[in-house]
Amino acid sequence: MSPQCLPLCSYDASMNDVRALAMLCAPEFHNLLRCAAGGRDHSTCCTRRGVADACVDLCAARVPDSLLVMADSCLPYIGNIVQCFEEGAFEFMFMSRVVVVS
């Protein structure tokens, strides 16, 4: 990951960072998306949060054919998508700490 794109590698990234770095970091978008999704499919959460059907693939870390089209139609939902990634990361951390005693 290039140093200038590192601000996007955080769940605390601001929308200003997203807008400012979107074009510069577009070639690394697939890496950012896979990292944020944590290898999990967050489509159910995204649907529940009202993410448009055309953008739900992002919730499963599937990179669209056209980043420009995606940016135009999905940017309004990026906050909800990131919330689902965060929610999924929290659930994963919680579930990985549950110990089953038999």
N, C-alpha and C. Protein backbone atom coordinates (compact mmCIF):
# COMPACT_ATOMS: atom_id res chain seq x y z
N MET A 1 0.85 -1.17 0.00
CA MET A 1 0.00 0.00 0.00
C MET A 1 0.89 1.23 0.00
N SER A 2 0.61 2.14 -0.88
CA SER A 2 1.42 3.35 -0.95
C SER A 2 1.14 4.25 0.26
N PRO A 3 2.15 4.97 0.72
CA PRO A 3 1.99 5.80 1.92
C PRO A 3 0.85 6.82 1.82
N GLN A 4 0.65 7.39 0.64
CA GLN A 4 -0.39 8.40 0.51
C GLN A 4 -1.80 7.82 0.64
N CYS A 5 -1.94 6.49 0.49
CA CYS A 5 -3.26 5.85 0.61
C CYS A 5 -3.52 5.29 2.00
N LEU A 6 -2.53 5.30 2.85
CA LEU A 6 -2.67 4.73 4.19
C LEU A 6 -3.82 5.33 5.01
N PRO A 7 -4.14 6.62 4.85
CA PRO A 7 -5.28 7.15 5.63
C PRO A 7 -6.60 6.41 5.34
N LEU A 8 -6.69 5.76 4.19
CA LEU A 8 -7.91 5.03 3.85
C LEU A 8 -7.95 3.63 4.46
N CYS A 9 -6.87 3.22 5.09
CA CYS A 9 -6.78 1.88 5.69
C CYS A 9 -7.32 1.85 7.11
N SER A 10 -8.04 2.85 7.49
CA SER A 10 -8.57 2.94 8.85
C SER A 10 -10.08 3.10 8.80
N TYR A 11 -10.76 2.48 9.78
CA TYR A 11 -12.20 2.69 9.88
C TYR A 11 -12.51 4.12 10.29
N ASP A 12 -11.48 4.85 10.73
CA ASP A 12 -11.65 6.24 11.12
C ASP A 12 -11.41 7.21 9.96
N ALA A 13 -11.22 6.70 8.76
CA ALA A 13 -11.00 7.56 7.60
C ALA A 13 -12.21 8.49 7.44
N SER A 14 -11.92 9.73 7.19
CA SER A 14 -13.00 10.70 7.02
C SER A 14 -13.50 10.69 5.58
N MET A 15 -14.69 11.19 5.38
CA MET A 15 -15.21 11.31 4.02
C MET A 15 -14.34 12.27 3.22
N ASN A 16 -13.74 13.25 3.87
CA ASN A 16 -12.82 14.15 3.17
C ASN A 16 -11.62 13.38 2.64
N ASP A 17 -11.09 12.44 3.44
CA ASP A 17 -9.98 11.59 2.97
C ASP A 17 -10.43 10.76 1.78
N VAL A 18 -11.62 10.17 1.89
CA VAL A 18 -12.13 9.33 0.81
C VAL A 18 -12.24 10.13 -0.47
N ARG A 19 -12.83 11.30 -0.39
CA ARG A 19 -12.99 12.13 -1.59
C ARG A 19 -11.65 12.61 -2.14
N ALA A 20 -10.76 13.03 -1.24
CA ALA A 20 -9.47 13.58 -1.68
C ALA A 20 -8.55 12.51 -2.29
N LEU A 21 -8.64 11.29 -1.78
CA LEU A 21 -7.70 10.25 -2.21
C LEU A 21 -8.30 9.24 -3.18
N ALA A 22 -9.58 9.36 -3.47
CA ALA A 22 -10.26 8.36 -4.29
C ALA A 22 -9.57 8.12 -5.63
N MET A 23 -9.28 9.15 -6.36
CA MET A 23 -8.69 8.97 -7.69
C MET A 23 -7.23 8.52 -7.58
N LEU A 24 -6.50 9.09 -6.64
CA LEU A 24 -5.10 8.73 -6.46
C LEU A 24 -4.95 7.26 -6.05
N CYS A 25 -5.86 6.78 -5.21
CA CYS A 25 -5.75 5.42 -4.67
C CYS A 25 -6.59 4.40 -5.44
N ALA A 26 -7.24 4.82 -6.51
CA ALA A 26 -8.09 3.91 -7.28
C ALA A 26 -7.36 2.63 -7.71
N PRO A 27 -6.09 2.70 -8.13
CA PRO A 27 -5.40 1.46 -8.51
C PRO A 27 -5.23 0.47 -7.35
N GLU A 28 -5.33 0.96 -6.12
CA GLU A 28 -5.17 0.09 -4.95
C GLU A 28 -6.51 -0.23 -4.28
N PHE A 29 -7.59 0.16 -4.94
CA PHE A 29 -8.92 0.01 -4.35
C PHE A 29 -9.24 -1.44 -3.98
N HIS A 30 -8.88 -2.37 -4.85
CA HIS A 30 -9.19 -3.78 -4.55
C HIS A 30 -8.52 -4.24 -3.27
N ASN A 31 -7.29 -3.78 -3.00
CA ASN A 31 -6.61 -4.13 -1.75
C ASN A 31 -7.30 -3.50 -0.55
N LEU A 32 -7.67 -2.24 -0.68
CA LEU A 32 -8.37 -1.56 0.41
C LEU A 32 -9.70 -2.25 0.72
N LEU A 33 -10.41 -2.61 -0.32
CA LEU A 33 -11.73 -3.22 -0.14
C LEU A 33 -11.61 -4.60 0.52
N ARG A 34 -10.68 -5.42 0.05
CA ARG A 34 -10.50 -6.75 0.65
C ARG A 34 -10.09 -6.65 2.11
N CYS A 35 -9.21 -5.71 2.39
CA CYS A 35 -8.76 -5.51 3.77
C CYS A 35 -9.92 -5.07 4.66
N ALA A 36 -10.69 -4.11 4.19
CA ALA A 36 -11.81 -3.59 4.99
C ALA A 36 -12.87 -4.66 5.25
N ALA A 37 -13.12 -5.49 4.25
CA ALA A 37 -14.14 -6.53 4.41
C ALA A 37 -13.65 -7.67 5.29
N GLY A 38 -12.35 -7.78 5.46
CA GLY A 38 -11.80 -8.82 6.33
C GLY A 38 -12.09 -10.22 5.85
N GLY A 39 -12.26 -10.38 4.53
CA GLY A 39 -12.52 -11.71 3.99
C GLY A 39 -13.94 -12.22 4.24
N ARG A 40 -14.81 -11.33 4.68
CA ARG A 40 -16.18 -11.74 4.98
C ARG A 40 -17.16 -11.02 4.04
N ASP A 41 -18.33 -11.61 3.89
CA ASP A 41 -19.40 -11.05 3.06
C ASP A 41 -20.35 -10.28 3.98
N HIS A 42 -20.44 -8.99 3.79
CA HIS A 42 -21.27 -8.13 4.63
C HIS A 42 -22.54 -7.70 3.91
N SER A 43 -22.92 -8.44 2.86
CA SER A 43 -24.07 -8.06 2.03
C SER A 43 -25.37 -7.95 2.82
N THR A 44 -25.58 -8.86 3.76
CA THR A 44 -26.82 -8.84 4.55
C THR A 44 -26.91 -7.55 5.34
N CYS A 45 -25.82 -7.16 5.96
CA CYS A 45 -25.79 -5.90 6.72
C CYS A 45 -26.04 -4.72 5.78
N CYS A 46 -25.39 -4.71 4.64
CA CYS A 46 -25.53 -3.59 3.71
C CYS A 46 -26.96 -3.47 3.21
N THR A 47 -27.58 -4.59 2.93
CA THR A 47 -28.98 -4.57 2.49
C THR A 47 -29.86 -4.02 3.61
N ARG A 48 -29.60 -4.47 4.84
CA ARG A 48 -30.37 -3.99 6.00
C ARG A 48 -30.19 -2.49 6.19
N ARG A 49 -29.01 -1.96 5.87
CA ARG A 49 -28.73 -0.53 6.04
C ARG A 49 -29.13 0.31 4.83
N GLY A 50 -29.74 -0.31 3.82
CA GLY A 50 -30.27 0.44 2.70
C GLY A 50 -29.29 0.74 1.58
N VAL A 51 -28.19 0.01 1.52
CA VAL A 51 -27.23 0.20 0.42
C VAL A 51 -27.89 -0.26 -0.88
N ALA A 52 -27.76 0.52 -1.91
CA ALA A 52 -28.38 0.21 -3.21
C ALA A 52 -27.89 -1.14 -3.73
N ASP A 53 -28.77 -1.86 -4.40
CA ASP A 53 -28.43 -3.19 -4.94
C ASP A 53 -27.16 -3.14 -5.81
N ALA A 54 -27.00 -2.07 -6.57
CA ALA A 54 -25.84 -1.95 -7.46
C ALA A 54 -24.53 -1.84 -6.69
N CYS A 55 -24.61 -1.55 -5.39
CA CYS A 55 -23.41 -1.34 -4.58
C CYS A 55 -23.14 -2.46 -3.58
N VAL A 56 -24.05 -3.41 -3.48
CA VAL A 56 -23.91 -4.47 -2.48
C VAL A 56 -22.69 -5.35 -2.75
N ASP A 57 -22.25 -5.45 -3.99
CA ASP A 57 -21.04 -6.22 -4.28
C ASP A 57 -19.84 -5.70 -3.49
N LEU A 58 -19.79 -4.40 -3.26
CA LEU A 58 -18.70 -3.83 -2.47
C LEU A 58 -18.68 -4.41 -1.06
N CYS A 59 -19.84 -4.75 -0.55
CA CYS A 59 -19.96 -5.27 0.81
C CYS A 59 -19.37 -6.68 0.92
N ALA A 60 -19.21 -7.33 -0.20
CA ALA A 60 -18.61 -8.66 -0.24
C ALA A 60 -17.20 -8.59 -0.82
N ALA A 61 -16.66 -7.38 -0.90
CA ALA A 61 -15.31 -7.13 -1.43
C ALA A 61 -15.15 -7.56 -2.88
N ARG A 62 -16.24 -7.48 -3.63
CA ARG A 62 -16.16 -7.74 -5.07
C ARG A 62 -16.00 -6.40 -5.76
N VAL A 63 -14.89 -6.26 -6.46
CA VAL A 63 -14.57 -4.99 -7.12
C VAL A 63 -15.34 -4.90 -8.43
N PRO A 64 -16.03 -3.79 -8.63
CA PRO A 64 -16.80 -3.63 -9.87
C PRO A 64 -15.88 -3.44 -11.08
N ASP A 65 -16.44 -3.69 -12.25
CA ASP A 65 -15.68 -3.51 -13.49
C ASP A 65 -15.26 -2.06 -13.70
N SER A 66 -16.13 -1.15 -13.34
CA SER A 66 -15.84 0.27 -13.55
C SER A 66 -15.83 1.01 -12.21
N LEU A 67 -14.64 1.43 -11.80
CA LEU A 67 -14.54 2.19 -10.55
C LEU A 67 -15.23 3.54 -10.67
N LEU A 68 -15.23 4.11 -11.86
CA LEU A 68 -15.85 5.42 -12.05
C LEU A 68 -17.36 5.34 -11.84
N VAL A 69 -17.98 4.32 -12.43
CA VAL A 69 -19.42 4.13 -12.25
C VAL A 69 -19.72 3.85 -10.79
N MET A 70 -18.90 3.00 -10.16
CA MET A 70 -19.10 2.66 -8.76
C MET A 70 -18.99 3.91 -7.89
N ALA A 71 -17.97 4.72 -8.14
CA ALA A 71 -17.78 5.92 -7.33
C ALA A 71 -18.98 6.85 -7.46
N ASP A 72 -19.48 6.99 -8.66
CA ASP A 72 -20.61 7.88 -8.89
C ASP A 72 -21.87 7.38 -8.20
N SER A 73 -22.14 6.08 -8.28
CA SER A 73 -23.39 5.58 -7.72
C SER A 73 -23.29 5.10 -6.28
N CYS A 74 -22.11 4.72 -5.81
CA CYS A 74 -21.98 4.12 -4.48
C CYS A 74 -21.41 5.03 -3.41
N LEU A 75 -20.80 6.13 -3.80
CA LEU A 75 -20.22 7.02 -2.79
C LEU A 75 -21.24 7.46 -1.74
N PRO A 76 -22.51 7.71 -2.11
CA PRO A 76 -23.48 8.08 -1.07
C PRO A 76 -23.69 7.00 0.00
N TYR A 77 -23.34 5.76 -0.32
CA TYR A 77 -23.56 4.65 0.61
C TYR A 77 -22.29 4.21 1.34
N ILE A 78 -21.17 4.88 1.08
CA ILE A 78 -19.90 4.41 1.62
C ILE A 78 -19.90 4.39 3.15
N GLY A 79 -20.58 5.34 3.77
CA GLY A 79 -20.67 5.36 5.23
C GLY A 79 -21.35 4.11 5.77
N ASN A 80 -22.45 3.71 5.14
CA ASN A 80 -23.17 2.50 5.56
C ASN A 80 -22.34 1.25 5.31
N ILE A 81 -21.62 1.23 4.19
CA ILE A 81 -20.78 0.08 3.87
C ILE A 81 -19.67 -0.07 4.91
N VAL A 82 -19.03 1.04 5.24
CA VAL A 82 -17.95 1.00 6.23
C VAL A 82 -18.50 0.60 7.60
N GLN A 83 -19.69 1.06 7.95
CA GLN A 83 -20.30 0.65 9.21
C GLN A 83 -20.49 -0.86 9.25
N CYS A 84 -20.87 -1.45 8.13
CA CYS A 84 -21.02 -2.91 8.08
C CYS A 84 -19.68 -3.61 8.22
N PHE A 85 -18.64 -3.06 7.61
CA PHE A 85 -17.31 -3.64 7.78
C PHE A 85 -16.89 -3.60 9.25
N GLU A 86 -17.14 -2.45 9.90
CA GLU A 86 -16.79 -2.32 11.31
C GLU A 86 -17.59 -3.30 12.17
N GLU A 87 -18.88 -3.37 11.89
CA GLU A 87 -19.76 -4.28 12.64
C GLU A 87 -19.28 -5.72 12.49
N GLY A 88 -18.93 -6.10 11.27
CA GLY A 88 -18.44 -7.45 11.01
C GLY A 88 -17.11 -7.72 11.70
N ALA A 89 -16.22 -6.73 11.74
CA ALA A 89 -14.94 -6.90 12.43
C ALA A 89 -15.15 -7.07 13.92
N PHE A 90 -16.07 -6.31 14.49
CA PHE A 90 -16.37 -6.42 15.92
C PHE A 90 -16.94 -7.79 16.23
N GLU A 91 -17.91 -8.24 15.42
CA GLU A 91 -18.52 -9.56 15.64
C GLU A 91 -17.48 -10.66 15.52
N PHE A 92 -16.59 -10.54 14.55
CA PHE A 92 -15.55 -11.55 14.36
C PHE A 92 -14.63 -11.60 15.58
N MET A 93 -14.22 -10.43 16.06
CA MET A 93 -13.34 -10.39 17.23
C MET A 93 -14.05 -10.99 18.45
N PHE A 94 -15.32 -10.66 18.62
CA PHE A 94 -16.09 -11.17 19.76
C PHE A 94 -16.23 -12.69 19.66
N MET A 95 -16.62 -13.17 18.48
CA MET A 95 -16.84 -14.61 18.30
C MET A 95 -15.54 -15.40 18.41
N SER A 96 -14.43 -14.81 18.03
CA SER A 96 -13.16 -15.53 18.10
C SER A 96 -12.67 -15.67 19.53
N ARG A 97 -13.26 -14.91 20.44
CA ARG A 97 -12.86 -14.98 21.84
C ARG A 97 -13.77 -15.88 22.66
N VAL A 98 -14.87 -16.31 22.07
CA VAL A 98 -15.79 -17.18 22.77
C VAL A 98 -15.16 -18.56 22.86
N VAL A 99 -15.08 -19.08 24.06
CA VAL A 99 -14.48 -20.39 24.27
C VAL A 99 -15.58 -21.38 24.61
N VAL A 100 -15.59 -22.48 23.93
CA VAL A 100 -16.60 -23.51 24.19
C VAL A 100 -15.98 -24.54 25.11
N VAL A 101 -16.63 -24.76 26.24
CA VAL A 101 -16.15 -25.75 27.21
C VAL A 101 -17.13 -26.91 27.20
N SER A 102 -16.61 -28.11 27.04
CA SER A 102 -17.53 -29.26 27.04
C SER A 102 -17.20 -30.21 28.16
